[in-house]
Amino acid sequence: MANYGVIIDSTVYMPKHIIEESKIEVVSLNVTVENEDTYLEKNIDREFIIKKRSEGKTFKTSAPGPGKFHERYEQLLETNDHVFVIGLSKVLSGTYQSSTVGRTMLEDPEQVTVFDTNHSAYGNEMLVYELLDMIKADKSVKKIESRINKLINQSKLIFTCENLFSLVAGGRLSPAKAMIGTILRMKPIVEMIDGKLILVKTERTYKKVFALIEQKVRETTEGFKNINFYITQTYSQKSGDALKSFIETTFPEASIRYTDLLGPVMTVHVGDKGFGISWFYE
């Protein structure tokens, strides 16, 4: 039986007990407040960001350096035959580049697989759970690489946030449109497309948001029997519960995992209130 190591970046918000039980190594992104104090994401929480934001503070996030990944690779390869890495989309962060550069610093880079996920947050959490299941089933490196890459190509991620101004800083919405949308109580619908977070539509009601999600799911999963959903919410329990009930009713045969884990980096970029869904199909 082969021994495999797993590395994630700190935006893959896995439950602490899963990280500990599966011996997952976490390489942390950085959060800088007011261009002064820099924190490792794994050492702070979303409440820290919310408090600082209420005080009028601004934030920047940055990727870990290649050396951080190289150090973890060397450490894990002392006791493992191969290491798998899952982290932020390379379009959203320099984390992917750091992980690949760190890999080239190894004597044998082929011992490490860095997945180009095209995902973030709970979309990557979805991939990690599948990776862990395959490791437990003693699948080969090639089979694991093949299936994870297949899932990356056969998966989607959508979310909406309650504060339109949280999309202004990321350049996905102008201040004027955010103001108008807030007055009209519009709900932004952001979709992960080719690794980018794209504002695809705004709707007046969550009922219409759910209808669009259903449409997207049916379009992407036509002809596939196995559908797995990952739903998350942050300070939007009622909306998250409603989405979960909607998916259970609309797709009764599907598997659903529900979480409320969303950390500091995502809170900086998409706000502190919202909910989302990702899914893959086989």
C-alpha atoms as a PDB file:
ATOM      1  CA  MET A   1       0.000   0.000   0.000  1.00  0.00           C
ATOM      2  CA  ALA A   2       1.406   3.376  -1.084  1.00  0.00           C
ATOM      3  CA  ASN A   3       1.713   6.273   1.327  1.00  0.00           C
ATOM      4  CA  TYR A   4       0.413   9.616   0.099  1.00  0.00           C
ATOM      5  CA  GLY A   5       0.768  13.094   1.563  1.00  0.00           C
ATOM      6  CA  VAL A   6      -1.755  15.902   1.005  1.00  0.00           C
ATOM      7  CA  ILE A   7      -1.129  19.642   1.018  1.00  0.00           C
ATOM      8  CA  ILE A   8      -3.809  22.315   0.787  1.00  0.00           C
ATOM      9  CA  ASP A   9      -3.590  26.067   0.963  1.00  0.00           C
ATOM     10  CA  SER A  10      -5.389  27.885   3.765  1.00  0.00           C
ATOM     11  CA  THR A  11      -8.362  28.868   1.567  1.00  0.00           C
ATOM     12  CA  VAL A  12      -9.449  25.225   1.397  1.00  0.00           C
ATOM     13  CA  TYR A  13     -11.561  25.458   4.520  1.00  0.00           C
ATOM     14  CA  MET A  14     -11.611  21.866   5.696  1.00  0.00           C
ATOM     15  CA  PRO A  15     -12.901  20.965   9.185  1.00  0.00           C
ATOM     16  CA  LYS A  16     -10.072  20.883  11.704  1.00  0.00           C
ATOM     17  CA  HIS A  17     -10.718  17.256  12.658  1.00  0.00           C
ATOM     18  CA  ILE A  18     -10.443  16.154   9.009  1.00  0.00           C
ATOM     19  CA  ILE A  19      -7.127  17.988   8.645  1.00  0.00           C
ATOM     20  CA  GLU A  20      -5.782  16.321  11.786  1.00  0.00           C
ATOM     21  CA  GLU A  21      -7.128  12.814  11.110  1.00  0.00           C
ATOM     22  CA  SER A  22      -5.909  12.825   7.500  1.00  0.00           C
ATOM     23  CA  LYS A  23      -2.582  14.478   8.395  1.00  0.00           C
ATOM     24  CA  ILE A  24      -3.130  17.221   5.822  1.00  0.00           C
ATOM     25  CA  GLU A  25      -0.474  19.934   5.676  1.00  0.00           C
ATOM     26  CA  VAL A  26      -1.755  23.514   5.316  1.00  0.00           C
ATOM     27  CA  VAL A  27       0.320  26.232   3.617  1.00  0.00           C
ATOM     28  CA  SER A  28      -1.063  29.598   4.611  1.00  0.00           C
ATOM     29  CA  LEU A  29      -1.797  32.668   2.541  1.00  0.00           C
ATOM     30  CA  ASN A  30      -1.131  36.070   4.111  1.00  0.00           C
ATOM     31  CA  VAL A  31      -3.511  38.860   5.081  1.00  0.00           C
ATOM     32  CA  THR A  32      -2.112  42.378   5.473  1.00  0.00           C
ATOM     33  CA  VAL A  33      -4.118  45.026   7.326  1.00  0.00           C
ATOM     34  CA  GLU A  34      -3.651  48.696   6.343  1.00  0.00           C
ATOM     35  CA  ASN A  35      -0.327  47.886   4.640  1.00  0.00           C
ATOM     36  CA  GLU A  36       1.133  47.426   8.102  1.00  0.00           C
ATOM     37  CA  ASP A  37       0.479  44.195   9.989  1.00  0.00           C
ATOM     38  CA  THR A  38       0.634  40.866   8.143  1.00  0.00           C
ATOM     39  CA  TYR A  39      -0.970  37.694   9.471  1.00  0.00           C
ATOM     40  CA  LEU A  40      -0.953  34.077   8.386  1.00  0.00           C
ATOM     41  CA  GLU A  41      -4.528  33.293   7.387  1.00  0.00           C
ATOM     42  CA  LYS A  42      -4.557  30.105   9.439  1.00  0.00           C
ATOM     43  CA  ASN A  43      -3.827  32.171  12.590  1.00  0.00           C
ATOM     44  CA  ILE A  44      -6.851  34.477  12.261  1.00  0.00           C
ATOM     45  CA  ASP A  45     -10.559  33.992  11.557  1.00  0.00           C
ATOM     46  CA  ARG A  46     -13.352  35.712   9.653  1.00  0.00           C
ATOM     47  CA  GLU A  47     -14.509  37.512  12.814  1.00  0.00           C
ATOM     48  CA  PHE A  48     -11.102  39.234  12.870  1.00  0.00           C
ATOM     49  CA  ILE A  49     -11.689  40.530   9.319  1.00  0.00           C
ATOM     50  CA  ILE A  50     -15.252  41.619  10.089  1.00  0.00           C
ATOM     51  CA  LYS A  51     -14.113  43.551  13.185  1.00  0.00           C
ATOM     52  CA  LYS A  52     -11.252  45.280  11.359  1.00  0.00           C
ATOM     53  CA  ARG A  53     -13.517  46.139   8.424  1.00  0.00           C
ATOM     54  CA  SER A  54     -16.045  47.730  10.817  1.00  0.00           C
ATOM     55  CA  GLU A  55     -13.174  49.932  12.015  1.00  0.00           C
ATOM     56  CA  GLY A  56     -12.599  51.091   8.440  1.00  0.00           C
ATOM     57  CA  LYS A  57      -9.465  49.009   7.864  1.00  0.00           C
ATOM     58  CA  THR A  58      -8.411  47.870   4.399  1.00  0.00           C
ATOM     59  CA  PHE A  59      -6.829  44.549   3.455  1.00  0.00           C
ATOM     60  CA  LYS A  60      -4.500  42.915   0.998  1.00  0.00           C
ATOM     61  CA  THR A  61      -3.943  39.197   0.576  1.00  0.00           C
ATOM     62  CA  SER A  62      -0.843  37.499  -0.798  1.00  0.00           C
ATOM     63  CA  ALA A  63       0.372  34.046  -1.713  1.00  0.00           C
ATOM     64  CA  PRO A  64       2.953  32.047   0.232  1.00  0.00           C
ATOM     65  CA  GLY A  65       6.403  31.857  -1.316  1.00  0.00           C
ATOM     66  CA  PRO A  66       7.769  28.786  -3.153  1.00  0.00           C
ATOM     67  CA  GLY A  67      10.014  28.006  -0.198  1.00  0.00           C
ATOM     68  CA  LYS A  68       6.999  27.343   2.011  1.00  0.00           C
ATOM     69  CA  PHE A  69       5.809  24.633  -0.360  1.00  0.00           C
ATOM     70  CA  HIS A  70       9.286  23.185  -0.931  1.00  0.00           C
ATOM     71  CA  GLU A  71       9.740  22.833   2.821  1.00  0.00           C
ATOM     72  CA  ARG A  72       6.477  20.893   3.152  1.00  0.00           C
ATOM     73  CA  TYR A  73       7.313  18.700   0.147  1.00  0.00           C
ATOM     74  CA  GLU A  74      10.647  17.708   1.655  1.00  0.00           C
ATOM     75  CA  GLN A  75       8.998  17.020   4.991  1.00  0.00           C
ATOM     76  CA  LEU A  76       6.187  14.856   3.595  1.00  0.00           C
ATOM     77  CA  LEU A  77       8.395  12.930   1.168  1.00  0.00           C
ATOM     78  CA  GLU A  78      10.427  11.625   4.083  1.00  0.00           C
ATOM     79  CA  THR A  79       7.504   9.345   4.969  1.00  0.00           C
ATOM     80  CA  ASN A  80       5.375   9.309   1.797  1.00  0.00           C
ATOM     81  CA  ASP A  81       5.781   8.013  -1.736  1.00  0.00           C
ATOM     82  CA  HIS A  82       3.888  10.870  -3.372  1.00  0.00           C
ATOM     83  CA  VAL A  83       2.329  14.227  -2.468  1.00  0.00           C
ATOM     84  CA  PHE A  84      -0.846  15.804  -3.875  1.00  0.00           C
ATOM     85  CA  VAL A  85      -1.498  19.555  -3.726  1.00  0.00           C
ATOM     86  CA  ILE A  86      -4.883  21.290  -3.976  1.00  0.00           C
ATOM     87  CA  GLY A  87      -5.234  25.072  -3.758  1.00  0.00           C
ATOM     88  CA  LEU A  88      -6.621  28.249  -5.252  1.00  0.00           C
ATOM     89  CA  SER A  89      -7.152  28.710  -8.968  1.00  0.00           C
ATOM     90  CA  LYS A  90      -3.993  30.062 -10.600  1.00  0.00           C
ATOM     91  CA  VAL A  91      -6.064  32.930 -12.043  1.00  0.00           C
ATOM     92  CA  LEU A  92      -7.056  34.117  -8.562  1.00  0.00           C
ATOM     93  CA  SER A  93      -3.767  33.791  -6.721  1.00  0.00           C
ATOM     94  CA  GLY A  94      -0.025  33.296  -7.070  1.00  0.00           C
ATOM     95  CA  THR A  95      -0.342  30.278  -4.758  1.00  0.00           C
ATOM     96  CA  TYR A  96      -0.444  27.821  -7.672  1.00  0.00           C
ATOM     97  CA  GLN A  97       2.720  29.330  -9.177  1.00  0.00           C
ATOM     98  CA  SER A  98       4.489  29.144  -5.803  1.00  0.00           C
ATOM     99  CA  SER A  99       3.522  25.492  -5.404  1.00  0.00           C
ATOM    100  CA  THR A 100       4.794  24.592  -8.880  1.00  0.00           C
ATOM    101  CA  VAL A 101       8.065  26.526  -8.446  1.00  0.00           C
ATOM    102  CA  GLY A 102       8.563  24.814  -5.088  1.00  0.00           C
ATOM    103  CA  ARG A 103       8.068  21.494  -6.856  1.00  0.00           C
ATOM    104  CA  THR A 104      10.849  22.235  -9.371  1.00  0.00           C
ATOM    105  CA  MET A 105      13.247  22.691  -6.439  1.00  0.00           C
ATOM    106  CA  LEU A 106      12.930  19.010  -5.554  1.00  0.00           C
ATOM    107  CA  GLU A 107      15.449  16.381  -6.594  1.00  0.00           C
ATOM    108  CA  ASP A 108      12.558  14.405  -8.108  1.00  0.00           C
ATOM    109  CA  PRO A 109       9.636  16.741  -8.969  1.00  0.00           C
ATOM    110  CA  GLU A 110       7.608  13.786 -10.262  1.00  0.00           C
ATOM    111  CA  GLN A 111       6.917  12.830  -6.651  1.00  0.00           C
ATOM    112  CA  VAL A 112       4.552  15.808  -6.342  1.00  0.00           C
ATOM    113  CA  THR A 113       1.307  16.463  -8.226  1.00  0.00           C
ATOM    114  CA  VAL A 114      -0.018  20.029  -8.146  1.00  0.00           C
ATOM    115  CA  PHE A 115      -3.577  20.198  -9.450  1.00  0.00           C
ATOM    116  CA  ASP A 116      -4.657  23.211 -11.503  1.00  0.00           C
ATOM    117  CA  THR A 117      -8.042  23.304  -9.801  1.00  0.00           C
ATOM    118  CA  ASN A 118      -9.876  26.261 -11.392  1.00  0.00           C
ATOM    119  CA  HIS A 119     -11.650  26.459  -8.024  1.00  0.00           C
ATOM    120  CA  SER A 120     -11.601  28.204  -4.679  1.00  0.00           C
ATOM    121  CA  ALA A 121     -12.792  27.608  -1.107  1.00  0.00           C
ATOM    122  CA  TYR A 122     -15.614  25.048  -0.920  1.00  0.00           C
ATOM    123  CA  GLY A 123     -15.055  24.037  -4.566  1.00  0.00           C
ATOM    124  CA  ASN A 124     -11.590  22.841  -3.563  1.00  0.00           C
ATOM    125  CA  GLU A 125     -12.958  21.336  -0.360  1.00  0.00           C
ATOM    126  CA  MET A 126     -15.108  19.184  -2.628  1.00  0.00           C
ATOM    127  CA  LEU A 127     -12.001  17.969  -4.488  1.00  0.00           C
ATOM    128  CA  VAL A 128     -10.105  17.229  -1.270  1.00  0.00           C
ATOM    129  CA  TYR A 129     -12.859  14.967   0.061  1.00  0.00           C
ATOM    130  CA  GLU A 130     -12.762  12.956  -3.167  1.00  0.00           C
ATOM    131  CA  LEU A 131      -8.960  12.817  -3.041  1.00  0.00           C
ATOM    132  CA  LEU A 132      -9.027  11.495   0.533  1.00  0.00           C
ATOM    133  CA  ASP A 133     -11.564   8.814  -0.412  1.00  0.00           C
ATOM    134  CA  MET A 134      -9.324   7.608  -3.243  1.00  0.00           C
ATOM    135  CA  ILE A 135      -6.275   7.559  -0.990  1.00  0.00           C
ATOM    136  CA  LYS A 136      -8.192   5.419   1.517  1.00  0.00           C
ATOM    137  CA  ALA A 137      -9.169   3.106  -1.344  1.00  0.00           C
ATOM    138  CA  ASP A 138      -5.438   2.719  -2.209  1.00  0.00           C
ATOM    139  CA  LYS A 139      -5.811   4.045  -5.752  1.00  0.00           C
ATOM    140  CA  SER A 140      -2.664   4.554  -7.831  1.00  0.00           C
ATOM    141  CA  VAL A 141      -1.164   7.986  -8.511  1.00  0.00           C
ATOM    142  CA  LYS A 142      -2.271   7.845 -12.141  1.00  0.00           C
ATOM    143  CA  LYS A 143      -5.851   6.917 -11.231  1.00  0.00           C
ATOM    144  CA  ILE A 144      -6.032   9.678  -8.642  1.00  0.00           C
ATOM    145  CA  GLU A 145      -4.627  12.262 -11.066  1.00  0.00           C
ATOM    146  CA  SER A 146      -7.006  11.151 -13.802  1.00  0.00           C
ATOM    147  CA  ARG A 147     -10.134  11.316 -11.658  1.00  0.00           C
ATOM    148  CA  ILE A 148      -9.343  14.604  -9.908  1.00  0.00           C
ATOM    149  CA  ASN A 149      -8.596  16.260 -13.251  1.00  0.00           C
ATOM    150  CA  LYS A 150     -11.842  14.820 -14.583  1.00  0.00           C
ATOM    151  CA  LEU A 151     -13.767  16.247 -11.619  1.00  0.00           C
ATOM    152  CA  ILE A 152     -12.139  19.650 -12.139  1.00  0.00           C
ATOM    153  CA  ASN A 153     -13.461  19.646 -15.708  1.00  0.00           C
ATOM    154  CA  GLN A 154     -16.868  18.340 -14.631  1.00  0.00           C
ATOM    155  CA  SER A 155     -17.628  20.701 -11.772  1.00  0.00           C
ATOM    156  CA  LYS A 156     -19.109  24.143 -11.202  1.00  0.00           C
ATOM    157  CA  LEU A 157     -19.230  26.782  -8.461  1.00  0.00           C
ATOM    158  CA  ILE A 158     -21.737  29.604  -7.917  1.00  0.00           C
ATOM    159  CA  PHE A 159     -22.297  31.961  -5.002  1.00  0.00           C
ATOM    160  CA  THR A 160     -24.138  35.109  -4.031  1.00  0.00           C
ATOM    161  CA  CYS A 161     -23.248  37.663  -1.354  1.00  0.00           C
ATOM    162  CA  GLU A 162     -25.516  39.991   0.580  1.00  0.00           C
ATOM    163  CA  ASN A 163     -23.227  43.020   0.377  1.00  0.00           C
ATOM    164  CA  LEU A 164     -22.741  44.172  -3.204  1.00  0.00           C
ATOM    165  CA  PHE A 165     -19.905  46.488  -2.148  1.00  0.00           C
ATOM    166  CA  SER A 166     -17.788  43.444  -1.313  1.00  0.00           C
ATOM    167  CA  LEU A 167     -17.550  42.876  -5.080  1.00  0.00           C
ATOM    168  CA  VAL A 168     -16.370  46.427  -5.763  1.00  0.00           C
ATOM    169  CA  ALA A 169     -12.878  45.946  -4.281  1.00  0.00           C
ATOM    170  CA  GLY A 170     -12.320  42.910  -6.489  1.00  0.00           C
ATOM    171  CA  GLY A 171     -13.267  44.861  -9.589  1.00  0.00           C
ATOM    172  CA  ARG A 172     -16.301  42.730 -10.381  1.00  0.00           C
ATOM    173  CA  LEU A 173     -18.771  45.586  -9.872  1.00  0.00           C
ATOM    174  CA  SER A 174     -18.602  49.373 -10.094  1.00  0.00           C
ATOM    175  CA  PRO A 175     -19.477  51.505  -7.031  1.00  0.00           C
ATOM    176  CA  ALA A 176     -22.413  53.031  -8.914  1.00  0.00           C
ATOM    177  CA  LYS A 177     -23.890  49.664  -9.801  1.00  0.00           C
ATOM    178  CA  ALA A 178     -23.308  48.455  -6.253  1.00  0.00           C
ATOM    179  CA  MET A 179     -25.250  51.447  -4.919  1.00  0.00           C
ATOM    180  CA  ILE A 180     -28.146  50.940  -7.338  1.00  0.00           C
ATOM    181  CA  GLY A 181     -28.182  47.205  -6.706  1.00  0.00           C
ATOM    182  CA  THR A 182     -28.231  47.745  -2.940  1.00  0.00           C
ATOM    183  CA  ILE A 183     -31.186  50.131  -3.189  1.00  0.00           C
ATOM    184  CA  LEU A 184     -33.067  47.617  -5.345  1.00  0.00           C
ATOM    185  CA  ARG A 185     -31.975  44.742  -3.067  1.00  0.00           C
ATOM    186  CA  MET A 186     -30.395  42.905  -5.984  1.00  0.00           C
ATOM    187  CA  LYS A 187     -28.627  39.599  -5.408  1.00  0.00           C
ATOM    188  CA  PRO A 188     -25.382  39.184  -7.389  1.00  0.00           C
ATOM    189  CA  ILE A 189     -24.723  35.770  -8.886  1.00  0.00           C
ATOM    190  CA  VAL A 190     -21.020  35.025  -9.256  1.00  0.00           C
ATOM    191  CA  GLU A 191     -19.828  31.954 -11.150  1.00  0.00           C
ATOM    192  CA  MET A 192     -16.400  30.374 -11.364  1.00  0.00           C
ATOM    193  CA  ILE A 193     -15.601  30.267 -15.086  1.00  0.00           C
ATOM    194  CA  ASP A 194     -12.181  29.070 -16.266  1.00  0.00           C
ATOM    195  CA  GLY A 195     -10.778  29.763 -12.822  1.00  0.00           C
ATOM    196  CA  LYS A 196     -12.128  33.336 -12.675  1.00  0.00           C
ATOM    197  CA  LEU A 197     -14.940  34.692 -10.494  1.00  0.00           C
ATOM    198  CA  ILE A 198     -17.378  36.291 -12.951  1.00  0.00           C
ATOM    199  CA  LEU A 199     -20.496  38.282 -12.075  1.00  0.00           C
ATOM    200  CA  VAL A 200     -22.962  36.619 -14.448  1.00  0.00           C
ATOM    201  CA  LYS A 201     -26.286  38.086 -13.331  1.00  0.00           C
ATOM    202  CA  THR A 202     -28.220  39.890 -10.619  1.00  0.00           C
ATOM    203  CA  GLU A 203     -31.664  38.866  -9.413  1.00  0.00           C
ATOM    204  CA  ARG A 204     -34.283  40.514  -7.187  1.00  0.00           C
ATOM    205  CA  THR A 205     -35.233  37.419  -5.174  1.00  0.00           C
ATOM    206  CA  TYR A 206     -33.562  34.303  -3.823  1.00  0.00           C
ATOM    207  CA  LYS A 207     -36.273  32.287  -5.572  1.00  0.00           C
ATOM    208  CA  LYS A 208     -34.856  33.501  -8.879  1.00  0.00           C
ATOM    209  CA  VAL A 209     -31.305  32.793  -7.668  1.00  0.00           C
ATOM    210  CA  PHE A 210     -32.342  29.206  -6.894  1.00  0.00           C
ATOM    211  CA  ALA A 211     -34.028  28.908 -10.306  1.00  0.00           C
ATOM    212  CA  LEU A 212     -30.811  29.982 -12.034  1.00  0.00           C
ATOM    213  CA  ILE A 213     -28.823  27.461 -10.001  1.00  0.00           C
ATOM    214  CA  GLU A 214     -31.250  24.724 -11.015  1.00  0.00           C
ATOM    215  CA  GLN A 215     -30.901  25.758 -14.659  1.00  0.00           C
ATOM    216  CA  LYS A 216     -27.105  25.670 -14.469  1.00  0.00           C
ATOM    217  CA  VAL A 217     -27.129  22.270 -12.762  1.00  0.00           C
ATOM    218  CA  ARG A 218     -29.473  20.745 -15.356  1.00  0.00           C
ATOM    219  CA  GLU A 219     -27.447  22.191 -18.244  1.00  0.00           C
ATOM    220  CA  THR A 220     -24.161  20.813 -16.951  1.00  0.00           C
ATOM    221  CA  THR A 221     -25.319  17.421 -15.673  1.00  0.00           C
ATOM    222  CA  GLU A 222     -27.541  16.265 -18.534  1.00  0.00           C
ATOM    223  CA  GLY A 223     -26.777  12.609 -19.221  1.00  0.00           C
ATOM    224  CA  PHE A 224     -24.941  12.082 -15.905  1.00  0.00           C
ATOM    225  CA  LYS A 225     -26.409  10.040 -13.047  1.00  0.00           C
ATOM    226  CA  ASN A 226     -24.023  10.799 -10.181  1.00  0.00           C
ATOM    227  CA  ILE A 227     -24.304  14.398  -8.905  1.00  0.00           C
ATOM    228  CA  ASN A 228     -22.597  15.594  -5.728  1.00  0.00           C
ATOM    229  CA  PHE A 229     -23.382  18.994  -4.203  1.00  0.00           C
ATOM    230  CA  TYR A 230     -21.370  21.054  -1.723  1.00  0.00           C
ATOM    231  CA  ILE A 231     -23.306  23.935  -0.174  1.00  0.00           C
ATOM    232  CA  THR A 232     -21.822  26.604   2.075  1.00  0.00           C
ATOM    233  CA  GLN A 233     -23.118  29.648   3.895  1.00  0.00           C
ATOM    234  CA  THR A 234     -21.524  32.330   6.020  1.00  0.00           C
ATOM    235  CA  TYR A 235     -23.782  34.304   8.362  1.00  0.00           C
ATOM    236  CA  SER A 236     -26.652  33.408   5.997  1.00  0.00           C
ATOM    237  CA  GLN A 237     -28.047  30.363   7.778  1.00  0.00           C
ATOM    238  CA  LYS A 238     -31.641  30.869   6.635  1.00  0.00           C
ATOM    239  CA  SER A 239     -30.672  31.234   2.967  1.00  0.00           C
ATOM    240  CA  GLY A 240     -28.217  28.333   3.142  1.00  0.00           C
ATOM    241  CA  ASP A 241     -30.838  26.080   4.722  1.00  0.00           C
ATOM    242  CA  ALA A 242     -33.357  27.127   2.068  1.00  0.00           C
ATOM    243  CA  LEU A 243     -30.907  26.284  -0.726  1.00  0.00           C
ATOM    244  CA  LYS A 244     -30.177  22.904   0.839  1.00  0.00           C
ATOM    245  CA  SER A 245     -33.916  22.107   1.052  1.00  0.00           C
ATOM    246  CA  PHE A 246     -34.400  23.273  -2.541  1.00  0.00           C
ATOM    247  CA  ILE A 247     -31.603  21.009  -3.823  1.00  0.00           C
ATOM    248  CA  GLU A 248     -32.870  18.038  -1.777  1.00  0.00           C
ATOM    249  CA  THR A 249     -36.316  18.443  -3.315  1.00  0.00           C
ATOM    250  CA  THR A 250     -35.180  19.203  -6.859  1.00  0.00           C
ATOM    251  CA  PHE A 251     -32.417  16.580  -7.062  1.00  0.00           C
ATOM    252  CA  PRO A 252     -33.508  13.871  -4.592  1.00  0.00           C
ATOM    253  CA  GLU A 253     -30.967  11.281  -5.784  1.00  0.00           C
ATOM    254  CA  ALA A 254     -27.964  13.566  -5.356  1.00  0.00           C
ATOM    255  CA  SER A 255     -25.440  13.583  -2.521  1.00  0.00           C
ATOM    256  CA  ILE A 256     -25.210  16.814  -0.482  1.00  0.00           C
ATOM    257  CA  ARG A 257     -22.575  18.095   1.914  1.00  0.00           C
ATOM    258  CA  TYR A 258     -23.359  21.282   3.863  1.00  0.00           C
ATOM    259  CA  THR A 259     -20.807  23.529   5.572  1.00  0.00           C
ATOM    260  CA  ASP A 260     -20.458  26.973   7.101  1.00  0.00           C
ATOM    261  CA  LEU A 261     -16.673  27.192   6.762  1.00  0.00           C
ATOM    262  CA  LEU A 262     -15.404  30.333   5.066  1.00  0.00           C
ATOM    263  CA  GLY A 263     -12.196  31.955   6.211  1.00  0.00           C
ATOM    264  CA  PRO A 264     -10.420  35.322   6.252  1.00  0.00           C
ATOM    265  CA  VAL A 265      -9.130  35.511   2.653  1.00  0.00           C
ATOM    266  CA  MET A 266     -12.538  34.751   1.144  1.00  0.00           C
ATOM    267  CA  THR A 267     -14.178  37.139   3.620  1.00  0.00           C
ATOM    268  CA  VAL A 268     -11.832  39.886   2.421  1.00  0.00           C
ATOM    269  CA  HIS A 269     -12.761  39.322  -1.226  1.00  0.00           C
ATOM    270  CA  VAL A 270     -16.450  38.343  -1.190  1.00  0.00           C
ATOM    271  CA  GLY A 271     -17.777  39.746   2.077  1.00  0.00           C
ATOM    272  CA  ASP A 272     -18.979  38.296   5.338  1.00  0.00           C
ATOM    273  CA  LYS A 273     -22.534  37.262   4.382  1.00  0.00           C
ATOM    274  CA  GLY A 274     -23.596  34.958   1.584  1.00  0.00           C
ATOM    275  CA  PHE A 275     -24.031  31.405   0.391  1.00  0.00           C
ATOM    276  CA  GLY A 276     -22.923  29.260  -2.499  1.00  0.00           C
ATOM    277  CA  ILE A 277     -22.964  25.863  -4.117  1.00  0.00           C
ATOM    278  CA  SER A 278     -20.540  23.717  -6.064  1.00  0.00           C
ATOM    279  CA  TRP A 279     -21.173  20.396  -7.719  1.00  0.00           C
ATOM    280  CA  PHE A 280     -19.500  17.712  -9.756  1.00  0.00           C
ATOM    281  CA  TYR A 281     -21.021  15.050 -11.954  1.00  0.00           C
ATOM    282  CA  GLU A 282     -19.913  11.670 -13.279  1.00  0.00           C
END
